[in-house]
Each structure stands twice: as structure tokens, then as C-alpha cells.
Amino acid sequence: DRDNTWNDVDKAASELKDYVSTID
């Protein structure tokens, strides 16, 4: 709220990539 910005978007994207790589 202070900066009116989303933080850790790249971190979430990396976590999503790691998760999807485990899906058969």
C-alpha cells in the first residue's frame, strides 16, 4: 500500500514454474 506496487511477482513466477514441472 505504501508504494502501490506488487512485490515478489518474479518469486511467485519461479514457484509456479517449479510446481508445474512436477505435474505429470
PDBML (XML) file of the C-alpha atoms, coordinates in Angstrom:
<?xml version="1.0" encoding="UTF-8" ?>
<PDBx:datablock datablockName="MODEL"
   xmlns:PDBx="http://pdbml.pdb.org/schema/pdbx-v50.xsd"
   xmlns:xsi="http://www.w3.org/2001/XMLSchema-instance"
   xsi:schemaLocation="http://pdbml.pdb.org/schema/pdbx-v50.xsd pdbx-v50.xsd">
   <PDBx:atom_siteCategory>
      <PDBx:atom_site id="1">
         <PDBx:B_iso_or_equiv>0.00</PDBx:B_iso_or_equiv>
         <PDBx:Cartn_x>0.000</PDBx:Cartn_x>
         <PDBx:Cartn_y>0.000</PDBx:Cartn_y>
         <PDBx:Cartn_z>0.000</PDBx:Cartn_z>
         <PDBx:auth_asym_id>A</PDBx:auth_asym_id>
         <PDBx:auth_atom_id>CA</PDBx:auth_atom_id>
         <PDBx:auth_comp_id>ASP</PDBx:auth_comp_id>
         <PDBx:auth_seq_id>1</PDBx:auth_seq_id>
         <PDBx:group_PDB>ATOM</PDBx:group_PDB>
         <PDBx:label_alt_id xsi:nil="true" />
         <PDBx:label_asym_id>A</PDBx:label_asym_id>
         <PDBx:label_atom_id>CA</PDBx:label_atom_id>
         <PDBx:label_comp_id>ASP</PDBx:label_comp_id>
         <PDBx:label_entity_id>1</PDBx:label_entity_id>
         <PDBx:label_seq_id>1</PDBx:label_seq_id>
         <PDBx:occupancy>1.00</PDBx:occupancy>
         <PDBx:pdbx_PDB_model_num>1</PDBx:pdbx_PDB_model_num>
         <PDBx:type_symbol>C</PDBx:type_symbol>
      </PDBx:atom_site>
      <PDBx:atom_site id="2">
         <PDBx:B_iso_or_equiv>0.00</PDBx:B_iso_or_equiv>
         <PDBx:Cartn_x>2.861</PDBx:Cartn_x>
         <PDBx:Cartn_y>2.373</PDBx:Cartn_y>
         <PDBx:Cartn_z>0.707</PDBx:Cartn_z>
         <PDBx:auth_asym_id>A</PDBx:auth_asym_id>
         <PDBx:auth_atom_id>CA</PDBx:auth_atom_id>
         <PDBx:auth_comp_id>ARG</PDBx:auth_comp_id>
         <PDBx:auth_seq_id>2</PDBx:auth_seq_id>
         <PDBx:group_PDB>ATOM</PDBx:group_PDB>
         <PDBx:label_alt_id xsi:nil="true" />
         <PDBx:label_asym_id>A</PDBx:label_asym_id>
         <PDBx:label_atom_id>CA</PDBx:label_atom_id>
         <PDBx:label_comp_id>ARG</PDBx:label_comp_id>
         <PDBx:label_entity_id>1</PDBx:label_entity_id>
         <PDBx:label_seq_id>2</PDBx:label_seq_id>
         <PDBx:occupancy>1.00</PDBx:occupancy>
         <PDBx:pdbx_PDB_model_num>1</PDBx:pdbx_PDB_model_num>
         <PDBx:type_symbol>C</PDBx:type_symbol>
      </PDBx:atom_site>
      <PDBx:atom_site id="3">
         <PDBx:B_iso_or_equiv>0.00</PDBx:B_iso_or_equiv>
         <PDBx:Cartn_x>4.400</PDBx:Cartn_x>
         <PDBx:Cartn_y>2.035</PDBx:Cartn_y>
         <PDBx:Cartn_z>-2.768</PDBx:Cartn_z>
         <PDBx:auth_asym_id>A</PDBx:auth_asym_id>
         <PDBx:auth_atom_id>CA</PDBx:auth_atom_id>
         <PDBx:auth_comp_id>ASP</PDBx:auth_comp_id>
         <PDBx:auth_seq_id>3</PDBx:auth_seq_id>
         <PDBx:group_PDB>ATOM</PDBx:group_PDB>
         <PDBx:label_alt_id xsi:nil="true" />
         <PDBx:label_asym_id>A</PDBx:label_asym_id>
         <PDBx:label_atom_id>CA</PDBx:label_atom_id>
         <PDBx:label_comp_id>ASP</PDBx:label_comp_id>
         <PDBx:label_entity_id>1</PDBx:label_entity_id>
         <PDBx:label_seq_id>3</PDBx:label_seq_id>
         <PDBx:occupancy>1.00</PDBx:occupancy>
         <PDBx:pdbx_PDB_model_num>1</PDBx:pdbx_PDB_model_num>
         <PDBx:type_symbol>C</PDBx:type_symbol>
      </PDBx:atom_site>
      <PDBx:atom_site id="4">
         <PDBx:B_iso_or_equiv>0.00</PDBx:B_iso_or_equiv>
         <PDBx:Cartn_x>1.243</PDBx:Cartn_x>
         <PDBx:Cartn_y>0.970</PDBx:Cartn_y>
         <PDBx:Cartn_z>-4.638</PDBx:Cartn_z>
         <PDBx:auth_asym_id>A</PDBx:auth_asym_id>
         <PDBx:auth_atom_id>CA</PDBx:auth_atom_id>
         <PDBx:auth_comp_id>ASN</PDBx:auth_comp_id>
         <PDBx:auth_seq_id>4</PDBx:auth_seq_id>
         <PDBx:group_PDB>ATOM</PDBx:group_PDB>
         <PDBx:label_alt_id xsi:nil="true" />
         <PDBx:label_asym_id>A</PDBx:label_asym_id>
         <PDBx:label_atom_id>CA</PDBx:label_atom_id>
         <PDBx:label_comp_id>ASN</PDBx:label_comp_id>
         <PDBx:label_entity_id>1</PDBx:label_entity_id>
         <PDBx:label_seq_id>4</PDBx:label_seq_id>
         <PDBx:occupancy>1.00</PDBx:occupancy>
         <PDBx:pdbx_PDB_model_num>1</PDBx:pdbx_PDB_model_num>
         <PDBx:type_symbol>C</PDBx:type_symbol>
      </PDBx:atom_site>
      <PDBx:atom_site id="5">
         <PDBx:B_iso_or_equiv>0.00</PDBx:B_iso_or_equiv>
         <PDBx:Cartn_x>3.074</PDBx:Cartn_x>
         <PDBx:Cartn_y>-1.932</PDBx:Cartn_y>
         <PDBx:Cartn_z>-6.206</PDBx:Cartn_z>
         <PDBx:auth_asym_id>A</PDBx:auth_asym_id>
         <PDBx:auth_atom_id>CA</PDBx:auth_atom_id>
         <PDBx:auth_comp_id>THR</PDBx:auth_comp_id>
         <PDBx:auth_seq_id>5</PDBx:auth_seq_id>
         <PDBx:group_PDB>ATOM</PDBx:group_PDB>
         <PDBx:label_alt_id xsi:nil="true" />
         <PDBx:label_asym_id>A</PDBx:label_asym_id>
         <PDBx:label_atom_id>CA</PDBx:label_atom_id>
         <PDBx:label_comp_id>THR</PDBx:label_comp_id>
         <PDBx:label_entity_id>1</PDBx:label_entity_id>
         <PDBx:label_seq_id>5</PDBx:label_seq_id>
         <PDBx:occupancy>1.00</PDBx:occupancy>
         <PDBx:pdbx_PDB_model_num>1</PDBx:pdbx_PDB_model_num>
         <PDBx:type_symbol>C</PDBx:type_symbol>
      </PDBx:atom_site>
      <PDBx:atom_site id="6">
         <PDBx:B_iso_or_equiv>0.00</PDBx:B_iso_or_equiv>
         <PDBx:Cartn_x>3.095</PDBx:Cartn_x>
         <PDBx:Cartn_y>-5.714</PDBx:Cartn_y>
         <PDBx:Cartn_z>-6.288</PDBx:Cartn_z>
         <PDBx:auth_asym_id>A</PDBx:auth_asym_id>
         <PDBx:auth_atom_id>CA</PDBx:auth_atom_id>
         <PDBx:auth_comp_id>TRP</PDBx:auth_comp_id>
         <PDBx:auth_seq_id>6</PDBx:auth_seq_id>
         <PDBx:group_PDB>ATOM</PDBx:group_PDB>
         <PDBx:label_alt_id xsi:nil="true" />
         <PDBx:label_asym_id>A</PDBx:label_asym_id>
         <PDBx:label_atom_id>CA</PDBx:label_atom_id>
         <PDBx:label_comp_id>TRP</PDBx:label_comp_id>
         <PDBx:label_entity_id>1</PDBx:label_entity_id>
         <PDBx:label_seq_id>6</PDBx:label_seq_id>
         <PDBx:occupancy>1.00</PDBx:occupancy>
         <PDBx:pdbx_PDB_model_num>1</PDBx:pdbx_PDB_model_num>
         <PDBx:type_symbol>C</PDBx:type_symbol>
      </PDBx:atom_site>
      <PDBx:atom_site id="7">
         <PDBx:B_iso_or_equiv>0.00</PDBx:B_iso_or_equiv>
         <PDBx:Cartn_x>6.189</PDBx:Cartn_x>
         <PDBx:Cartn_y>-7.287</PDBx:Cartn_y>
         <PDBx:Cartn_z>-4.764</PDBx:Cartn_z>
         <PDBx:auth_asym_id>A</PDBx:auth_asym_id>
         <PDBx:auth_atom_id>CA</PDBx:auth_atom_id>
         <PDBx:auth_comp_id>ASN</PDBx:auth_comp_id>
         <PDBx:auth_seq_id>7</PDBx:auth_seq_id>
         <PDBx:group_PDB>ATOM</PDBx:group_PDB>
         <PDBx:label_alt_id xsi:nil="true" />
         <PDBx:label_asym_id>A</PDBx:label_asym_id>
         <PDBx:label_atom_id>CA</PDBx:label_atom_id>
         <PDBx:label_comp_id>ASN</PDBx:label_comp_id>
         <PDBx:label_entity_id>1</PDBx:label_entity_id>
         <PDBx:label_seq_id>7</PDBx:label_seq_id>
         <PDBx:occupancy>1.00</PDBx:occupancy>
         <PDBx:pdbx_PDB_model_num>1</PDBx:pdbx_PDB_model_num>
         <PDBx:type_symbol>C</PDBx:type_symbol>
      </PDBx:atom_site>
      <PDBx:atom_site id="8">
         <PDBx:B_iso_or_equiv>0.00</PDBx:B_iso_or_equiv>
         <PDBx:Cartn_x>7.717</PDBx:Cartn_x>
         <PDBx:Cartn_y>-10.732</PDBx:Cartn_y>
         <PDBx:Cartn_z>-5.278</PDBx:Cartn_z>
         <PDBx:auth_asym_id>A</PDBx:auth_asym_id>
         <PDBx:auth_atom_id>CA</PDBx:auth_atom_id>
         <PDBx:auth_comp_id>ASP</PDBx:auth_comp_id>
         <PDBx:auth_seq_id>8</PDBx:auth_seq_id>
         <PDBx:group_PDB>ATOM</PDBx:group_PDB>
         <PDBx:label_alt_id xsi:nil="true" />
         <PDBx:label_asym_id>A</PDBx:label_asym_id>
         <PDBx:label_atom_id>CA</PDBx:label_atom_id>
         <PDBx:label_comp_id>ASP</PDBx:label_comp_id>
         <PDBx:label_entity_id>1</PDBx:label_entity_id>
         <PDBx:label_seq_id>8</PDBx:label_seq_id>
         <PDBx:occupancy>1.00</PDBx:occupancy>
         <PDBx:pdbx_PDB_model_num>1</PDBx:pdbx_PDB_model_num>
         <PDBx:type_symbol>C</PDBx:type_symbol>
      </PDBx:atom_site>
      <PDBx:atom_site id="9">
         <PDBx:B_iso_or_equiv>0.00</PDBx:B_iso_or_equiv>
         <PDBx:Cartn_x>5.985</PDBx:Cartn_x>
         <PDBx:Cartn_y>-11.286</PDBx:Cartn_y>
         <PDBx:Cartn_z>-8.647</PDBx:Cartn_z>
         <PDBx:auth_asym_id>A</PDBx:auth_asym_id>
         <PDBx:auth_atom_id>CA</PDBx:auth_atom_id>
         <PDBx:auth_comp_id>VAL</PDBx:auth_comp_id>
         <PDBx:auth_seq_id>9</PDBx:auth_seq_id>
         <PDBx:group_PDB>ATOM</PDBx:group_PDB>
         <PDBx:label_alt_id xsi:nil="true" />
         <PDBx:label_asym_id>A</PDBx:label_asym_id>
         <PDBx:label_atom_id>CA</PDBx:label_atom_id>
         <PDBx:label_comp_id>VAL</PDBx:label_comp_id>
         <PDBx:label_entity_id>1</PDBx:label_entity_id>
         <PDBx:label_seq_id>9</PDBx:label_seq_id>
         <PDBx:occupancy>1.00</PDBx:occupancy>
         <PDBx:pdbx_PDB_model_num>1</PDBx:pdbx_PDB_model_num>
         <PDBx:type_symbol>C</PDBx:type_symbol>
      </PDBx:atom_site>
      <PDBx:atom_site id="10">
         <PDBx:B_iso_or_equiv>0.00</PDBx:B_iso_or_equiv>
         <PDBx:Cartn_x>9.136</PDBx:Cartn_x>
         <PDBx:Cartn_y>-12.936</PDBx:Cartn_y>
         <PDBx:Cartn_z>-10.021</PDBx:Cartn_z>
         <PDBx:auth_asym_id>A</PDBx:auth_asym_id>
         <PDBx:auth_atom_id>CA</PDBx:auth_atom_id>
         <PDBx:auth_comp_id>ASP</PDBx:auth_comp_id>
         <PDBx:auth_seq_id>10</PDBx:auth_seq_id>
         <PDBx:group_PDB>ATOM</PDBx:group_PDB>
         <PDBx:label_alt_id xsi:nil="true" />
         <PDBx:label_asym_id>A</PDBx:label_asym_id>
         <PDBx:label_atom_id>CA</PDBx:label_atom_id>
         <PDBx:label_comp_id>ASP</PDBx:label_comp_id>
         <PDBx:label_entity_id>1</PDBx:label_entity_id>
         <PDBx:label_seq_id>10</PDBx:label_seq_id>
         <PDBx:occupancy>1.00</PDBx:occupancy>
         <PDBx:pdbx_PDB_model_num>1</PDBx:pdbx_PDB_model_num>
         <PDBx:type_symbol>C</PDBx:type_symbol>
      </PDBx:atom_site>
      <PDBx:atom_site id="11">
         <PDBx:B_iso_or_equiv>0.00</PDBx:B_iso_or_equiv>
         <PDBx:Cartn_x>9.391</PDBx:Cartn_x>
         <PDBx:Cartn_y>-15.131</PDBx:Cartn_y>
         <PDBx:Cartn_z>-6.938</PDBx:Cartn_z>
         <PDBx:auth_asym_id>A</PDBx:auth_asym_id>
         <PDBx:auth_atom_id>CA</PDBx:auth_atom_id>
         <PDBx:auth_comp_id>LYS</PDBx:auth_comp_id>
         <PDBx:auth_seq_id>11</PDBx:auth_seq_id>
         <PDBx:group_PDB>ATOM</PDBx:group_PDB>
         <PDBx:label_alt_id xsi:nil="true" />
         <PDBx:label_asym_id>A</PDBx:label_asym_id>
         <PDBx:label_atom_id>CA</PDBx:label_atom_id>
         <PDBx:label_comp_id>LYS</PDBx:label_comp_id>
         <PDBx:label_entity_id>1</PDBx:label_entity_id>
         <PDBx:label_seq_id>11</PDBx:label_seq_id>
         <PDBx:occupancy>1.00</PDBx:occupancy>
         <PDBx:pdbx_PDB_model_num>1</PDBx:pdbx_PDB_model_num>
         <PDBx:type_symbol>C</PDBx:type_symbol>
      </PDBx:atom_site>
      <PDBx:atom_site id="12">
         <PDBx:B_iso_or_equiv>0.00</PDBx:B_iso_or_equiv>
         <PDBx:Cartn_x>5.790</PDBx:Cartn_x>
         <PDBx:Cartn_y>-16.291</PDBx:Cartn_y>
         <PDBx:Cartn_z>-7.428</PDBx:Cartn_z>
         <PDBx:auth_asym_id>A</PDBx:auth_asym_id>
         <PDBx:auth_atom_id>CA</PDBx:auth_atom_id>
         <PDBx:auth_comp_id>ALA</PDBx:auth_comp_id>
         <PDBx:auth_seq_id>12</PDBx:auth_seq_id>
         <PDBx:group_PDB>ATOM</PDBx:group_PDB>
         <PDBx:label_alt_id xsi:nil="true" />
         <PDBx:label_asym_id>A</PDBx:label_asym_id>
         <PDBx:label_atom_id>CA</PDBx:label_atom_id>
         <PDBx:label_comp_id>ALA</PDBx:label_comp_id>
         <PDBx:label_entity_id>1</PDBx:label_entity_id>
         <PDBx:label_seq_id>12</PDBx:label_seq_id>
         <PDBx:occupancy>1.00</PDBx:occupancy>
         <PDBx:pdbx_PDB_model_num>1</PDBx:pdbx_PDB_model_num>
         <PDBx:type_symbol>C</PDBx:type_symbol>
      </PDBx:atom_site>
      <PDBx:atom_site id="13">
         <PDBx:B_iso_or_equiv>0.00</PDBx:B_iso_or_equiv>
         <PDBx:Cartn_x>6.502</PDBx:Cartn_x>
         <PDBx:Cartn_y>-16.931</PDBx:Cartn_y>
         <PDBx:Cartn_z>-11.116</PDBx:Cartn_z>
         <PDBx:auth_asym_id>A</PDBx:auth_asym_id>
         <PDBx:auth_atom_id>CA</PDBx:auth_atom_id>
         <PDBx:auth_comp_id>ALA</PDBx:auth_comp_id>
         <PDBx:auth_seq_id>13</PDBx:auth_seq_id>
         <PDBx:group_PDB>ATOM</PDBx:group_PDB>
         <PDBx:label_alt_id xsi:nil="true" />
         <PDBx:label_asym_id>A</PDBx:label_asym_id>
         <PDBx:label_atom_id>CA</PDBx:label_atom_id>
         <PDBx:label_comp_id>ALA</PDBx:label_comp_id>
         <PDBx:label_entity_id>1</PDBx:label_entity_id>
         <PDBx:label_seq_id>13</PDBx:label_seq_id>
         <PDBx:occupancy>1.00</PDBx:occupancy>
         <PDBx:pdbx_PDB_model_num>1</PDBx:pdbx_PDB_model_num>
         <PDBx:type_symbol>C</PDBx:type_symbol>
      </PDBx:atom_site>
      <PDBx:atom_site id="14">
         <PDBx:B_iso_or_equiv>0.00</PDBx:B_iso_or_equiv>
         <PDBx:Cartn_x>9.508</PDBx:Cartn_x>
         <PDBx:Cartn_y>-19.069</PDBx:Cartn_y>
         <PDBx:Cartn_z>-10.186</PDBx:Cartn_z>
         <PDBx:auth_asym_id>A</PDBx:auth_asym_id>
         <PDBx:auth_atom_id>CA</PDBx:auth_atom_id>
         <PDBx:auth_comp_id>SER</PDBx:auth_comp_id>
         <PDBx:auth_seq_id>14</PDBx:auth_seq_id>
         <PDBx:group_PDB>ATOM</PDBx:group_PDB>
         <PDBx:label_alt_id xsi:nil="true" />
         <PDBx:label_asym_id>A</PDBx:label_asym_id>
         <PDBx:label_atom_id>CA</PDBx:label_atom_id>
         <PDBx:label_comp_id>SER</PDBx:label_comp_id>
         <PDBx:label_entity_id>1</PDBx:label_entity_id>
         <PDBx:label_seq_id>14</PDBx:label_seq_id>
         <PDBx:occupancy>1.00</PDBx:occupancy>
         <PDBx:pdbx_PDB_model_num>1</PDBx:pdbx_PDB_model_num>
         <PDBx:type_symbol>C</PDBx:type_symbol>
      </PDBx:atom_site>
      <PDBx:atom_site id="15">
         <PDBx:B_iso_or_equiv>0.00</PDBx:B_iso_or_equiv>
         <PDBx:Cartn_x>7.446</PDBx:Cartn_x>
         <PDBx:Cartn_y>-21.032</PDBx:Cartn_y>
         <PDBx:Cartn_z>-7.656</PDBx:Cartn_z>
         <PDBx:auth_asym_id>A</PDBx:auth_asym_id>
         <PDBx:auth_atom_id>CA</PDBx:auth_atom_id>
         <PDBx:auth_comp_id>GLU</PDBx:auth_comp_id>
         <PDBx:auth_seq_id>15</PDBx:auth_seq_id>
         <PDBx:group_PDB>ATOM</PDBx:group_PDB>
         <PDBx:label_alt_id xsi:nil="true" />
         <PDBx:label_asym_id>A</PDBx:label_asym_id>
         <PDBx:label_atom_id>CA</PDBx:label_atom_id>
         <PDBx:label_comp_id>GLU</PDBx:label_comp_id>
         <PDBx:label_entity_id>1</PDBx:label_entity_id>
         <PDBx:label_seq_id>15</PDBx:label_seq_id>
         <PDBx:occupancy>1.00</PDBx:occupancy>
         <PDBx:pdbx_PDB_model_num>1</PDBx:pdbx_PDB_model_num>
         <PDBx:type_symbol>C</PDBx:type_symbol>
      </PDBx:atom_site>
      <PDBx:atom_site id="16">
         <PDBx:B_iso_or_equiv>0.00</PDBx:B_iso_or_equiv>
         <PDBx:Cartn_x>4.756</PDBx:Cartn_x>
         <PDBx:Cartn_y>-21.608</PDBx:Cartn_y>
         <PDBx:Cartn_z>-10.284</PDBx:Cartn_z>
         <PDBx:auth_asym_id>A</PDBx:auth_asym_id>
         <PDBx:auth_atom_id>CA</PDBx:auth_atom_id>
         <PDBx:auth_comp_id>LEU</PDBx:auth_comp_id>
         <PDBx:auth_seq_id>16</PDBx:auth_seq_id>
         <PDBx:group_PDB>ATOM</PDBx:group_PDB>
         <PDBx:label_alt_id xsi:nil="true" />
         <PDBx:label_asym_id>A</PDBx:label_asym_id>
         <PDBx:label_atom_id>CA</PDBx:label_atom_id>
         <PDBx:label_comp_id>LEU</PDBx:label_comp_id>
         <PDBx:label_entity_id>1</PDBx:label_entity_id>
         <PDBx:label_seq_id>16</PDBx:label_seq_id>
         <PDBx:occupancy>1.00</PDBx:occupancy>
         <PDBx:pdbx_PDB_model_num>1</PDBx:pdbx_PDB_model_num>
         <PDBx:type_symbol>C</PDBx:type_symbol>
      </PDBx:atom_site>
      <PDBx:atom_site id="17">
         <PDBx:B_iso_or_equiv>0.00</PDBx:B_iso_or_equiv>
         <PDBx:Cartn_x>7.344</PDBx:Cartn_x>
         <PDBx:Cartn_y>-22.881</PDBx:Cartn_y>
         <PDBx:Cartn_z>-12.763</PDBx:Cartn_z>
         <PDBx:auth_asym_id>A</PDBx:auth_asym_id>
         <PDBx:auth_atom_id>CA</PDBx:auth_atom_id>
         <PDBx:auth_comp_id>LYS</PDBx:auth_comp_id>
         <PDBx:auth_seq_id>17</PDBx:auth_seq_id>
         <PDBx:group_PDB>ATOM</PDBx:group_PDB>
         <PDBx:label_alt_id xsi:nil="true" />
         <PDBx:label_asym_id>A</PDBx:label_asym_id>
         <PDBx:label_atom_id>CA</PDBx:label_atom_id>
         <PDBx:label_comp_id>LYS</PDBx:label_comp_id>
         <PDBx:label_entity_id>1</PDBx:label_entity_id>
         <PDBx:label_seq_id>17</PDBx:label_seq_id>
         <PDBx:occupancy>1.00</PDBx:occupancy>
         <PDBx:pdbx_PDB_model_num>1</PDBx:pdbx_PDB_model_num>
         <PDBx:type_symbol>C</PDBx:type_symbol>
      </PDBx:atom_site>
      <PDBx:atom_site id="18">
         <PDBx:B_iso_or_equiv>0.00</PDBx:B_iso_or_equiv>
         <PDBx:Cartn_x>8.745</PDBx:Cartn_x>
         <PDBx:Cartn_y>-25.274</PDBx:Cartn_y>
         <PDBx:Cartn_z>-10.144</PDBx:Cartn_z>
         <PDBx:auth_asym_id>A</PDBx:auth_asym_id>
         <PDBx:auth_atom_id>CA</PDBx:auth_atom_id>
         <PDBx:auth_comp_id>ASP</PDBx:auth_comp_id>
         <PDBx:auth_seq_id>18</PDBx:auth_seq_id>
         <PDBx:group_PDB>ATOM</PDBx:group_PDB>
         <PDBx:label_alt_id xsi:nil="true" />
         <PDBx:label_asym_id>A</PDBx:label_asym_id>
         <PDBx:label_atom_id>CA</PDBx:label_atom_id>
         <PDBx:label_comp_id>ASP</PDBx:label_comp_id>
         <PDBx:label_entity_id>1</PDBx:label_entity_id>
         <PDBx:label_seq_id>18</PDBx:label_seq_id>
         <PDBx:occupancy>1.00</PDBx:occupancy>
         <PDBx:pdbx_PDB_model_num>1</PDBx:pdbx_PDB_model_num>
         <PDBx:type_symbol>C</PDBx:type_symbol>
      </PDBx:atom_site>
      <PDBx:atom_site id="19">
         <PDBx:B_iso_or_equiv>0.00</PDBx:B_iso_or_equiv>
         <PDBx:Cartn_x>5.245</PDBx:Cartn_x>
         <PDBx:Cartn_y>-26.509</PDBx:Cartn_y>
         <PDBx:Cartn_z>-9.295</PDBx:Cartn_z>
         <PDBx:auth_asym_id>A</PDBx:auth_asym_id>
         <PDBx:auth_atom_id>CA</PDBx:auth_atom_id>
         <PDBx:auth_comp_id>TYR</PDBx:auth_comp_id>
         <PDBx:auth_seq_id>19</PDBx:auth_seq_id>
         <PDBx:group_PDB>ATOM</PDBx:group_PDB>
         <PDBx:label_alt_id xsi:nil="true" />
         <PDBx:label_asym_id>A</PDBx:label_asym_id>
         <PDBx:label_atom_id>CA</PDBx:label_atom_id>
         <PDBx:label_comp_id>TYR</PDBx:label_comp_id>
         <PDBx:label_entity_id>1</PDBx:label_entity_id>
         <PDBx:label_seq_id>19</PDBx:label_seq_id>
         <PDBx:occupancy>1.00</PDBx:occupancy>
         <PDBx:pdbx_PDB_model_num>1</PDBx:pdbx_PDB_model_num>
         <PDBx:type_symbol>C</PDBx:type_symbol>
      </PDBx:atom_site>
      <PDBx:atom_site id="20">
         <PDBx:B_iso_or_equiv>0.00</PDBx:B_iso_or_equiv>
         <PDBx:Cartn_x>4.155</PDBx:Cartn_x>
         <PDBx:Cartn_y>-27.076</PDBx:Cartn_y>
         <PDBx:Cartn_z>-12.897</PDBx:Cartn_z>
         <PDBx:auth_asym_id>A</PDBx:auth_asym_id>
         <PDBx:auth_atom_id>CA</PDBx:auth_atom_id>
         <PDBx:auth_comp_id>VAL</PDBx:auth_comp_id>
         <PDBx:auth_seq_id>20</PDBx:auth_seq_id>
         <PDBx:group_PDB>ATOM</PDBx:group_PDB>
         <PDBx:label_alt_id xsi:nil="true" />
         <PDBx:label_asym_id>A</PDBx:label_asym_id>
         <PDBx:label_atom_id>CA</PDBx:label_atom_id>
         <PDBx:label_comp_id>VAL</PDBx:label_comp_id>
         <PDBx:label_entity_id>1</PDBx:label_entity_id>
         <PDBx:label_seq_id>20</PDBx:label_seq_id>
         <PDBx:occupancy>1.00</PDBx:occupancy>
         <PDBx:pdbx_PDB_model_num>1</PDBx:pdbx_PDB_model_num>
         <PDBx:type_symbol>C</PDBx:type_symbol>
      </PDBx:atom_site>
      <PDBx:atom_site id="21">
         <PDBx:B_iso_or_equiv>0.00</PDBx:B_iso_or_equiv>
         <PDBx:Cartn_x>7.365</PDBx:Cartn_x>
         <PDBx:Cartn_y>-29.004</PDBx:Cartn_y>
         <PDBx:Cartn_z>-13.593</PDBx:Cartn_z>
         <PDBx:auth_asym_id>A</PDBx:auth_asym_id>
         <PDBx:auth_atom_id>CA</PDBx:auth_atom_id>
         <PDBx:auth_comp_id>SER</PDBx:auth_comp_id>
         <PDBx:auth_seq_id>21</PDBx:auth_seq_id>
         <PDBx:group_PDB>ATOM</PDBx:group_PDB>
         <PDBx:label_alt_id xsi:nil="true" />
         <PDBx:label_asym_id>A</PDBx:label_asym_id>
         <PDBx:label_atom_id>CA</PDBx:label_atom_id>
         <PDBx:label_comp_id>SER</PDBx:label_comp_id>
         <PDBx:label_entity_id>1</PDBx:label_entity_id>
         <PDBx:label_seq_id>21</PDBx:label_seq_id>
         <PDBx:occupancy>1.00</PDBx:occupancy>
         <PDBx:pdbx_PDB_model_num>1</PDBx:pdbx_PDB_model_num>
         <PDBx:type_symbol>C</PDBx:type_symbol>
      </PDBx:atom_site>
      <PDBx:atom_site id="22">
         <PDBx:B_iso_or_equiv>0.00</PDBx:B_iso_or_equiv>
         <PDBx:Cartn_x>6.169</PDBx:Cartn_x>
         <PDBx:Cartn_y>-31.612</PDBx:Cartn_y>
         <PDBx:Cartn_z>-11.048</PDBx:Cartn_z>
         <PDBx:auth_asym_id>A</PDBx:auth_asym_id>
         <PDBx:auth_atom_id>CA</PDBx:auth_atom_id>
         <PDBx:auth_comp_id>THR</PDBx:auth_comp_id>
         <PDBx:auth_seq_id>22</PDBx:auth_seq_id>
         <PDBx:group_PDB>ATOM</PDBx:group_PDB>
         <PDBx:label_alt_id xsi:nil="true" />
         <PDBx:label_asym_id>A</PDBx:label_asym_id>
         <PDBx:label_atom_id>CA</PDBx:label_atom_id>
         <PDBx:label_comp_id>THR</PDBx:label_comp_id>
         <PDBx:label_entity_id>1</PDBx:label_entity_id>
         <PDBx:label_seq_id>22</PDBx:label_seq_id>
         <PDBx:occupancy>1.00</PDBx:occupancy>
         <PDBx:pdbx_PDB_model_num>1</PDBx:pdbx_PDB_model_num>
         <PDBx:type_symbol>C</PDBx:type_symbol>
      </PDBx:atom_site>
      <PDBx:atom_site id="23">
         <PDBx:B_iso_or_equiv>0.00</PDBx:B_iso_or_equiv>
         <PDBx:Cartn_x>2.813</PDBx:Cartn_x>
         <PDBx:Cartn_y>-32.205</PDBx:Cartn_y>
         <PDBx:Cartn_z>-12.788</PDBx:Cartn_z>
         <PDBx:auth_asym_id>A</PDBx:auth_asym_id>
         <PDBx:auth_atom_id>CA</PDBx:auth_atom_id>
         <PDBx:auth_comp_id>ILE</PDBx:auth_comp_id>
         <PDBx:auth_seq_id>23</PDBx:auth_seq_id>
         <PDBx:group_PDB>ATOM</PDBx:group_PDB>
         <PDBx:label_alt_id xsi:nil="true" />
         <PDBx:label_asym_id>A</PDBx:label_asym_id>
         <PDBx:label_atom_id>CA</PDBx:label_atom_id>
         <PDBx:label_comp_id>ILE</PDBx:label_comp_id>
         <PDBx:label_entity_id>1</PDBx:label_entity_id>
         <PDBx:label_seq_id>23</PDBx:label_seq_id>
         <PDBx:occupancy>1.00</PDBx:occupancy>
         <PDBx:pdbx_PDB_model_num>1</PDBx:pdbx_PDB_model_num>
         <PDBx:type_symbol>C</PDBx:type_symbol>
      </PDBx:atom_site>
      <PDBx:atom_site id="24">
         <PDBx:B_iso_or_equiv>0.00</PDBx:B_iso_or_equiv>
         <PDBx:Cartn_x>2.588</PDBx:Cartn_x>
         <PDBx:Cartn_y>-35.429</PDBx:Cartn_y>
         <PDBx:Cartn_z>-14.772</PDBx:Cartn_z>
         <PDBx:auth_asym_id>A</PDBx:auth_asym_id>
         <PDBx:auth_atom_id>CA</PDBx:auth_atom_id>
         <PDBx:auth_comp_id>ASP</PDBx:auth_comp_id>
         <PDBx:auth_seq_id>24</PDBx:auth_seq_id>
         <PDBx:group_PDB>ATOM</PDBx:group_PDB>
         <PDBx:label_alt_id xsi:nil="true" />
         <PDBx:label_asym_id>A</PDBx:label_asym_id>
         <PDBx:label_atom_id>CA</PDBx:label_atom_id>
         <PDBx:label_comp_id>ASP</PDBx:label_comp_id>
         <PDBx:label_entity_id>1</PDBx:label_entity_id>
         <PDBx:label_seq_id>24</PDBx:label_seq_id>
         <PDBx:occupancy>1.00</PDBx:occupancy>
         <PDBx:pdbx_PDB_model_num>1</PDBx:pdbx_PDB_model_num>
         <PDBx:type_symbol>C</PDBx:type_symbol>
      </PDBx:atom_site>
   </PDBx:atom_siteCategory>
</PDBx:datablock>
